[in-house]
């Protein structure tokens, strides 16, 4: 599964918390996305 981090000042920065994003048609998990504060 793909993990999507923050993009800050041109750098890929890991987050502390992540949430799953899903395909609404199938319910399949597409990626884990970093939560922004």
C-alpha atoms as a PDB file:
ATOM      1  CA  UNK A   1       0.000   0.000   0.000  1.00  0.00           C
ATOM      2  CA  UNK A   2       1.240   3.462  -0.842  1.00  0.00           C
ATOM      3  CA  UNK A   3       2.050   5.849   2.036  1.00  0.00           C
ATOM      4  CA  UNK A   4       1.696   9.560   1.240  1.00  0.00           C
ATOM      5  CA  UNK A   5       3.629  12.021   3.422  1.00  0.00           C
ATOM      6  CA  UNK A   6       3.589  15.806   3.730  1.00  0.00           C
ATOM      7  CA  UNK A   7       5.473  17.945   1.187  1.00  0.00           C
ATOM      8  CA  UNK A   8       6.992  20.882   3.115  1.00  0.00           C
ATOM      9  CA  UNK A   9       9.540  23.341   1.680  1.00  0.00           C
ATOM     10  CA  UNK A  10      10.350  20.943  -1.148  1.00  0.00           C
ATOM     11  CA  UNK A  11      10.967  17.992   1.185  1.00  0.00           C
ATOM     12  CA  UNK A  12       9.054  14.785   1.805  1.00  0.00           C
ATOM     13  CA  UNK A  13       8.236  14.826   5.542  1.00  0.00           C
ATOM     14  CA  UNK A  14       6.689  11.883   7.394  1.00  0.00           C
ATOM     15  CA  UNK A  15       3.594  12.520   9.479  1.00  0.00           C
ATOM     16  CA  UNK A  16       2.807  11.328  12.992  1.00  0.00           C
ATOM     17  CA  UNK A  17      -0.693  10.102  12.172  1.00  0.00           C
ATOM     18  CA  UNK A  18      -2.088   8.600   8.974  1.00  0.00           C
ATOM     19  CA  UNK A  19      -5.568   7.846   7.674  1.00  0.00           C
ATOM     20  CA  UNK A  20      -6.654   5.433   4.963  1.00  0.00           C
ATOM     21  CA  UNK A  21      -8.226   6.651   1.745  1.00  0.00           C
ATOM     22  CA  UNK A  22     -10.492   4.225  -0.085  1.00  0.00           C
ATOM     23  CA  UNK A  23     -12.037   3.728  -3.494  1.00  0.00           C
ATOM     24  CA  UNK A  24     -15.717   4.570  -2.904  1.00  0.00           C
ATOM     25  CA  UNK A  25     -16.884   2.157  -5.602  1.00  0.00           C
ATOM     26  CA  UNK A  26     -15.091  -0.904  -4.231  1.00  0.00           C
ATOM     27  CA  UNK A  27     -14.083  -0.021  -0.673  1.00  0.00           C
ATOM     28  CA  UNK A  28     -10.483  -1.005  -1.447  1.00  0.00           C
ATOM     29  CA  UNK A  29      -7.814   0.919   0.474  1.00  0.00           C
ATOM     30  CA  UNK A  30      -5.752   2.986  -1.967  1.00  0.00           C
ATOM     31  CA  UNK A  31      -3.211   4.656   0.312  1.00  0.00           C
ATOM     32  CA  UNK A  32      -2.365   5.865   3.789  1.00  0.00           C
ATOM     33  CA  UNK A  33      -2.199   9.660   3.877  1.00  0.00           C
ATOM     34  CA  UNK A  34      -0.471  11.789   6.522  1.00  0.00           C
ATOM     35  CA  UNK A  35      -2.920  13.818   8.606  1.00  0.00           C
ATOM     36  CA  UNK A  36      -2.278  17.545   8.671  1.00  0.00           C
ATOM     37  CA  UNK A  37      -2.692  19.344  11.971  1.00  0.00           C
END
